[in-house]
C-alpha atoms as a PDB file:
ATOM      1  CA  ALA A   1     276.079 181.724 -90.111  1.00  0.00           C
ATOM      2  CA  PHE A   2     273.140 182.074 -87.603  1.00  0.00           C
ATOM      3  CA  PRO A   3     271.803 185.397 -87.195  1.00  0.00           C
ATOM      4  CA  THR A   4     272.787 186.985 -83.915  1.00  0.00           C
ATOM      5  CA  ARG A   5     271.096 189.769 -81.682  1.00  0.00           C
ATOM      6  CA  SER A   6     272.911 192.817 -82.295  1.00  0.00           C
ATOM      7  CA  PRO A   7     273.109 195.492 -79.624  1.00  0.00           C
ATOM      8  CA  VAL A   8     272.782 198.256 -82.122  1.00  0.00           C
ATOM      9  CA  GLY A   9     269.066 199.024 -82.508  1.00  0.00           C
ATOM     10  CA  GLY A  10     268.114 195.757 -80.853  1.00  0.00           C
ATOM     11  CA  ILE A  11     267.609 193.912 -84.490  1.00  0.00           C
ATOM     12  CA  TYR A  12     268.429 190.441 -85.784  1.00  0.00           C
ATOM     13  CA  SER A  13     271.407 190.692 -88.133  1.00  0.00           C
ATOM     14  CA  THR A  14     274.478 188.672 -89.058  1.00  0.00           C
ATOM     15  CA  THR A  15     276.063 192.552 -88.822  1.00  0.00           C
ATOM     16  CA  PRO A  16     277.312 194.365 -87.207  1.00  0.00           C
ATOM     17  CA  LYS A  17     279.560 192.513 -84.453  1.00  0.00           C
ATOM     18  CA  VAL A  18     280.366 195.244 -82.092  1.00  0.00           C
ATOM     19  CA  ALA A  19     280.543 195.922 -78.591  1.00  0.00           C
ATOM     20  CA  VAL A  20     278.658 198.990 -77.014  1.00  0.00           C
ATOM     21  CA  SER A  21     279.839 200.706 -73.767  1.00  0.00           C
ATOM     22  CA  VAL A  22     277.741 203.632 -72.244  1.00  0.00           C
ATOM     23  CA  ILE A  23     279.075 205.494 -69.510  1.00  0.00           C
ATOM     24  CA  ASP A  24     277.733 208.056 -67.148  1.00  0.00           C
ATOM     25  CA  SER A  25     278.986 211.742 -66.766  1.00  0.00           C
ATOM     26  CA  ALA A  26     281.608 210.648 -64.262  1.00  0.00           C
ATOM     27  CA  GLY A  27     282.855 208.144 -66.699  1.00  0.00           C
ATOM     28  CA  VAL A  28     281.481 205.058 -64.661  1.00  0.00           C
ATOM     29  CA  LEU A  29     280.456 202.318 -66.768  1.00  0.00           C
ATOM     30  CA  LYS A  30     276.642 201.543 -66.790  1.00  0.00           C
ATOM     31  CA  ALA A  31     276.012 199.320 -69.625  1.00  0.00           C
ATOM     32  CA  VAL A  32     277.695 196.823 -72.101  1.00  0.00           C
ATOM     33  CA  LEU A  33     276.361 195.246 -74.716  1.00  0.00           C
ATOM     34  CA  VAL A  34     278.348 192.654 -76.884  1.00  0.00           C
ATOM     35  CA  SER A  35     277.410 190.851 -79.833  1.00  0.00           C
ATOM     36  CA  ASP A  36     278.403 187.101 -80.129  1.00  0.00           C
ATOM     37  CA  GLY A  37     281.791 186.459 -81.658  1.00  0.00           C
ATOM     38  CA  VAL A  38     283.124 189.800 -80.794  1.00  0.00           C
ATOM     39  CA  GLY A  39     286.557 189.868 -79.062  1.00  0.00           C
ATOM     40  CA  PRO A  40     287.635 191.554 -75.702  1.00  0.00           C
ATOM     41  CA  ARG A  41     289.691 194.159 -77.549  1.00  0.00           C
ATOM     42  CA  ALA A  42     286.245 195.562 -79.224  1.00  0.00           C
ATOM     43  CA  VAL A  43     284.877 195.488 -75.528  1.00  0.00           C
ATOM     44  CA  GLN A  44     287.643 197.672 -74.207  1.00  0.00           C
ATOM     45  CA  ASN A  45     287.913 200.002 -77.214  1.00  0.00           C
ATOM     46  CA  SER A  46     284.072 200.920 -76.824  1.00  0.00           C
ATOM     47  CA  ASN A  47     284.869 202.165 -73.501  1.00  0.00           C
ATOM     48  CA  PHE A  48     288.346 203.731 -74.250  1.00  0.00           C
ATOM     49  CA  LYS A  49     286.557 206.017 -76.976  1.00  0.00           C
ATOM     50  CA  ALA A  50     283.934 206.777 -74.585  1.00  0.00           C
ATOM     51  CA  GLN A  51     286.334 207.787 -71.758  1.00  0.00           C
ATOM     52  CA  ALA A  52     288.060 210.016 -74.366  1.00  0.00           C
ATOM     53  CA  ALA A  53     284.957 211.708 -75.629  1.00  0.00           C
ATOM     54  CA  LEU A  54     283.971 212.490 -72.078  1.00  0.00           C
ATOM     55  CA  ALA A  55     287.253 213.934 -71.194  1.00  0.00           C
ATOM     56  CA  PHE A  56     287.648 215.919 -74.105  1.00  0.00           C
ATOM     57  CA  LYS A  57     283.776 216.685 -74.335  1.00  0.00           C
ATOM     58  CA  GLU A  58     283.427 215.789 -78.080  1.00  0.00           C
ATOM     59  CA  ALA A  59     282.996 212.724 -80.067  1.00  0.00           C
ATOM     60  CA  SER A  60     286.165 210.578 -80.540  1.00  0.00           C
ATOM     61  CA  GLY A  61     286.011 210.854 -84.453  1.00  0.00           C
ATOM     62  CA  ALA A  62     286.442 214.537 -83.752  1.00  0.00           C
ATOM     63  CA  LEU A  63     289.023 214.236 -81.314  1.00  0.00           C
ATOM     64  CA  ALA A  64     290.833 211.873 -83.590  1.00  0.00           C
ATOM     65  CA  GLU A  65     290.657 214.475 -86.552  1.00  0.00           C
ATOM     66  CA  GLN A  66     292.102 217.229 -84.007  1.00  0.00           C
ATOM     67  CA  ILE A  67     295.120 215.165 -82.739  1.00  0.00           C
ATOM     68  CA  LYS A  68     296.166 215.219 -86.224  1.00  0.00           C
ATOM     69  CA  THR A  69     297.156 218.805 -86.101  1.00  0.00           C
ATOM     70  CA  ASP A  70     297.434 219.503 -82.396  1.00  0.00           C
ATOM     71  CA  LYS A  71     300.613 217.812 -81.047  1.00  0.00           C
ATOM     72  CA  THR A  72     299.590 218.807 -77.531  1.00  0.00           C
ATOM     73  CA  LEU A  73     296.281 217.535 -77.474  1.00  0.00           C
ATOM     74  CA  ALA A  74     297.935 214.154 -79.216  1.00  0.00           C
ATOM     75  CA  ASP A  75     300.303 214.227 -76.270  1.00  0.00           C
ATOM     76  CA  LYS A  76     297.507 214.669 -73.739  1.00  0.00           C
ATOM     77  CA  VAL A  77     295.368 211.607 -75.175  1.00  0.00           C
ATOM     78  CA  ALA A  78     298.482 209.579 -75.706  1.00  0.00           C
ATOM     79  CA  ALA A  79     299.589 209.890 -71.875  1.00  0.00           C
ATOM     80  CA  ASN A  80     296.330 208.495 -70.636  1.00  0.00           C
ATOM     81  CA  PRO A  81     296.171 204.628 -71.555  1.00  0.00           C
ATOM     82  CA  SER A  82     292.394 204.797 -71.023  1.00  0.00           C
ATOM     83  CA  TYR A  83     291.715 206.836 -73.923  1.00  0.00           C
ATOM     84  CA  LEU A  84     291.340 206.016 -77.461  1.00  0.00           C
ATOM     85  CA  ALA A  85     290.867 208.703 -80.170  1.00  0.00           C
ATOM     86  CA  ARG A  86     289.539 206.993 -82.735  1.00  0.00           C
ATOM     87  CA  ALA A  87     286.019 207.671 -84.230  1.00  0.00           C
ATOM     88  CA  GLY A  88     283.150 205.509 -82.325  1.00  0.00           C
ATOM     89  CA  ALA A  89     281.815 207.539 -79.417  1.00  0.00           C
ATOM     90  CA  VAL A  90     279.348 210.199 -79.341  1.00  0.00           C
ATOM     91  CA  LEU A  91     278.161 212.509 -76.296  1.00  0.00           C
ATOM     92  CA  ILE A  92     274.688 211.712 -74.751  1.00  0.00           C
ATOM     93  CA  LYS A  93     273.436 215.125 -74.247  1.00  0.00           C
ATOM     94  CA  VAL A  94     270.400 216.689 -72.554  1.00  0.00           C
ATOM     95  CA  ASN A  95     269.840 220.666 -72.828  1.00  0.00           C
ATOM     96  CA  ASP A  96     273.624 220.920 -73.808  1.00  0.00           C
ATOM     97  CA  GLU A  97     274.537 219.005 -70.457  1.00  0.00           C
ATOM     98  CA  ILE A  98     276.521 215.894 -71.165  1.00  0.00           C
ATOM     99  CA  ILE A  99     275.045 213.163 -69.400  1.00  0.00           C
ATOM    100  CA  GLY A 100     276.964 210.244 -70.840  1.00  0.00           C
ATOM    101  CA  VAL A 101     278.699 208.606 -73.794  1.00  0.00           C
ATOM    102  CA  ILE A 102     277.980 205.729 -75.932  1.00  0.00           C
ATOM    103  CA  GLY A 103     280.872 204.246 -77.291  1.00  0.00           C
ATOM    104  CA  VAL A 104     281.353 201.494 -79.949  1.00  0.00           C
ATOM    105  CA  GLY A 105     284.080 199.030 -80.822  1.00  0.00           C
ATOM    106  CA  GLY A 106     284.546 196.129 -83.336  1.00  0.00           C
ATOM    107  CA  ALA A 107     283.017 197.304 -86.721  1.00  0.00           C
ATOM    108  CA  ARG A 108     285.519 197.219 -89.643  1.00  0.00           C
ATOM    109  CA  GLY A 109     286.293 200.504 -89.696  1.00  0.00           C
ATOM    110  CA  SER A 110     285.805 203.215 -86.483  1.00  0.00           C
ATOM    111  CA  ASP A 111     283.461 205.379 -88.971  1.00  0.00           C
ATOM    112  CA  LYS A 112     281.399 202.429 -89.005  1.00  0.00           C
ATOM    113  CA  ASP A 113     281.471 202.437 -84.958  1.00  0.00           C
ATOM    114  CA  GLU A 114     280.631 206.101 -84.935  1.00  0.00           C
ATOM    115  CA  GLN A 115     277.427 205.326 -87.220  1.00  0.00           C
ATOM    116  CA  TYR A 116     276.374 202.622 -84.938  1.00  0.00           C
ATOM    117  CA  ALA A 117     276.947 204.750 -81.829  1.00  0.00           C
ATOM    118  CA  LEU A 118     274.885 207.737 -83.197  1.00  0.00           C
ATOM    119  CA  ALA A 119     271.954 205.148 -84.505  1.00  0.00           C
ATOM    120  CA  GLY A 120     271.954 204.145 -80.919  1.00  0.00           C
ATOM    121  CA  LEU A 121     271.634 207.624 -79.834  1.00  0.00           C
ATOM    122  CA  GLN A 122     269.007 208.425 -81.993  1.00  0.00           C
ATOM    123  CA  LYS A 123     267.045 205.385 -81.031  1.00  0.00           C
ATOM    124  CA  VAL A 124     266.890 207.055 -77.091  1.00  0.00           C
ATOM    125  CA  GLN A 125     267.236 210.824 -77.754  1.00  0.00           C
ATOM    126  CA  ALA A 126     263.565 211.410 -77.664  1.00  0.00           C
ATOM    127  CA  ARG A 127     263.458 209.882 -74.142  1.00  0.00           C
ATOM    128  CA  LEU A 128     266.285 212.007 -72.589  1.00  0.00           C
ATOM    129  CA  LYS A 129     265.037 214.637 -70.377  1.00  0.00           C
END
Protein backbone atom coordinates (compact mmCIF):
# COMPACT_ATOMS: atom_id res chain seq x y z
CA ALA A 1 0.00 0.00 0.00
CA PHE A 2 1.13 3.49 -0.74
CA PRO A 3 1.48 5.87 2.19
CA THR A 4 -1.39 8.33 2.53
CA ARG A 5 -1.55 11.75 4.06
CA SER A 6 -2.99 11.46 7.53
CA PRO A 7 -5.19 14.19 8.99
CA VAL A 8 -3.59 13.50 12.37
CA GLY A 9 -0.45 15.56 12.67
CA GLY A 10 -0.16 16.02 8.90
CA ILE A 11 2.38 13.21 8.56
CA TYR A 12 2.66 10.61 5.84
CA SER A 13 1.77 7.18 7.05
CA THR A 14 -0.13 4.06 6.13
CA THR A 15 -1.93 4.51 9.45
CA PRO A 16 -4.04 5.84 11.02
CA LYS A 17 -6.95 5.79 8.62
CA VAL A 18 -9.34 8.09 10.43
CA ALA A 19 -11.80 10.90 9.98
CA VAL A 20 -11.50 14.11 11.99
CA SER A 21 -14.34 16.56 12.58
CA VAL A 22 -13.85 19.94 14.23
CA ILE A 23 -16.91 21.79 15.52
CA ASP A 24 -17.18 25.20 17.15
CA SER A 25 -18.83 26.01 20.47
CA ALA A 26 -22.24 26.20 18.78
CA GLY A 27 -21.84 22.70 17.33
CA VAL A 28 -21.30 23.96 13.78
CA LEU A 29 -19.01 21.78 11.69
CA LYS A 30 -15.95 23.87 10.79
CA ALA A 31 -13.59 21.27 9.29
CA VAL A 32 -13.54 17.66 8.21
CA LEU A 33 -10.38 15.77 7.31
CA VAL A 34 -10.58 12.22 6.03
CA SER A 35 -7.77 9.79 5.25
CA ASP A 36 -7.93 7.84 2.01
CA GLY A 37 -9.85 4.61 2.46
CA VAL A 38 -12.00 5.77 5.37
CA GLY A 39 -15.68 4.93 5.13
CA PRO A 40 -18.62 7.29 5.65
CA ARG A 41 -19.48 5.80 9.04
CA ALA A 42 -16.15 6.96 10.50
CA VAL A 43 -16.82 10.48 9.21
CA GLN A 44 -20.28 10.47 10.77
CA ASN A 45 -18.99 9.02 14.05
CA SER A 46 -16.28 11.67 14.38
CA ASN A 47 -18.96 14.37 14.24
CA PHE A 48 -21.38 12.51 16.54
CA LYS A 49 -18.66 12.04 19.17
CA ALA A 50 -17.83 15.75 18.96
CA GLN A 51 -21.50 16.71 19.31
CA ALA A 52 -21.86 14.52 22.42
CA ALA A 53 -18.70 15.93 23.99
CA LEU A 54 -19.93 19.48 23.42
CA ALA A 55 -23.43 18.80 24.74
CA PHE A 56 -22.15 17.25 27.97
CA LYS A 57 -19.04 19.45 28.24
CA GLU A 58 -16.52 16.64 28.59
CA ALA A 59 -14.46 14.26 26.49
CA SER A 60 -16.61 11.61 24.86
CA GLY A 61 -14.52 8.86 26.48
CA ALA A 62 -15.37 10.17 29.94
CA LEU A 63 -19.00 10.38 28.91
CA ALA A 64 -18.87 6.76 27.73
CA GLU A 65 -17.61 5.68 31.14
CA GLN A 66 -20.27 7.67 33.00
CA ILE A 67 -23.20 6.21 31.07
CA LYS A 68 -22.18 2.73 32.20
CA THR A 69 -23.40 3.56 35.70
CA ASP A 70 -25.78 6.50 35.16
CA LYS A 71 -29.02 5.38 33.49
CA THR A 72 -30.47 8.90 33.37
CA LEU A 73 -27.40 10.15 31.50
CA ALA A 74 -27.44 7.08 29.25
CA ASP A 75 -31.07 7.80 28.38
CA LYS A 76 -30.24 11.44 27.52
CA VAL A 77 -27.45 10.34 25.19
CA ALA A 78 -29.57 7.62 23.59
CA ALA A 79 -32.44 10.08 23.00
CA ASN A 80 -30.39 12.09 20.51
CA PRO A 81 -29.32 10.24 17.36
CA SER A 82 -26.58 12.85 16.80
CA TYR A 83 -24.71 11.81 19.96
CA LEU A 84 -22.19 8.99 20.15
CA ALA A 85 -20.76 8.28 23.59
CA ARG A 86 -17.55 6.50 22.67
CA ALA A 87 -14.01 7.70 23.16
CA GLY A 88 -12.67 9.93 20.40
CA ALA A 89 -13.66 13.55 21.04
CA VAL A 90 -11.88 16.13 23.18
CA LEU A 91 -12.83 19.67 24.10
CA ILE A 92 -10.89 22.62 22.75
CA LYS A 93 -10.64 25.19 25.53
CA VAL A 94 -9.16 28.63 25.98
CA ASN A 95 -9.07 29.88 29.57
CA ASP A 96 -11.57 27.18 30.62
CA GLU A 97 -14.02 28.30 27.92
CA ILE A 98 -15.03 25.65 25.40
CA ILE A 99 -14.39 27.03 21.92
CA GLY A 100 -14.84 23.78 20.03
CA VAL A 101 -14.33 20.03 19.90
CA ILE A 102 -12.11 17.69 17.91
CA GLY A 103 -13.76 14.36 17.14
CA VAL A 104 -12.02 11.36 15.59
CA GLY A 105 -13.55 8.17 14.19
CA GLY A 106 -12.34 5.18 12.26
CA ALA A 107 -9.39 3.86 14.23
CA ARG A 108 -9.62 0.28 15.32
CA GLY A 109 -10.67 1.01 18.90
CA SER A 110 -12.19 4.24 20.13
CA ASP A 111 -9.38 4.61 22.67
CA LYS A 112 -7.08 5.14 19.67
CA ASP A 113 -9.51 7.72 18.27
CA GLU A 114 -9.18 9.68 21.50
CA GLN A 115 -5.39 9.43 21.42
CA TYR A 116 -5.42 10.91 17.93
CA ALA A 117 -7.80 13.69 18.99
CA LEU A 118 -5.50 14.55 21.90
CA ALA A 119 -2.48 14.54 19.58
CA GLY A 120 -4.27 16.96 17.25
CA LEU A 121 -5.21 19.22 20.14
CA GLN A 122 -1.62 19.25 21.40
CA LYS A 123 -0.46 20.36 17.96
CA VAL A 124 -2.59 23.53 18.06
CA GLN A 125 -2.95 24.21 21.80
CA ALA A 126 -0.11 26.74 21.97
CA ARG A 127 -1.73 28.83 19.22
CA LEU A 128 -5.10 29.08 20.95
CA LYS A 129 -5.79 32.39 22.66
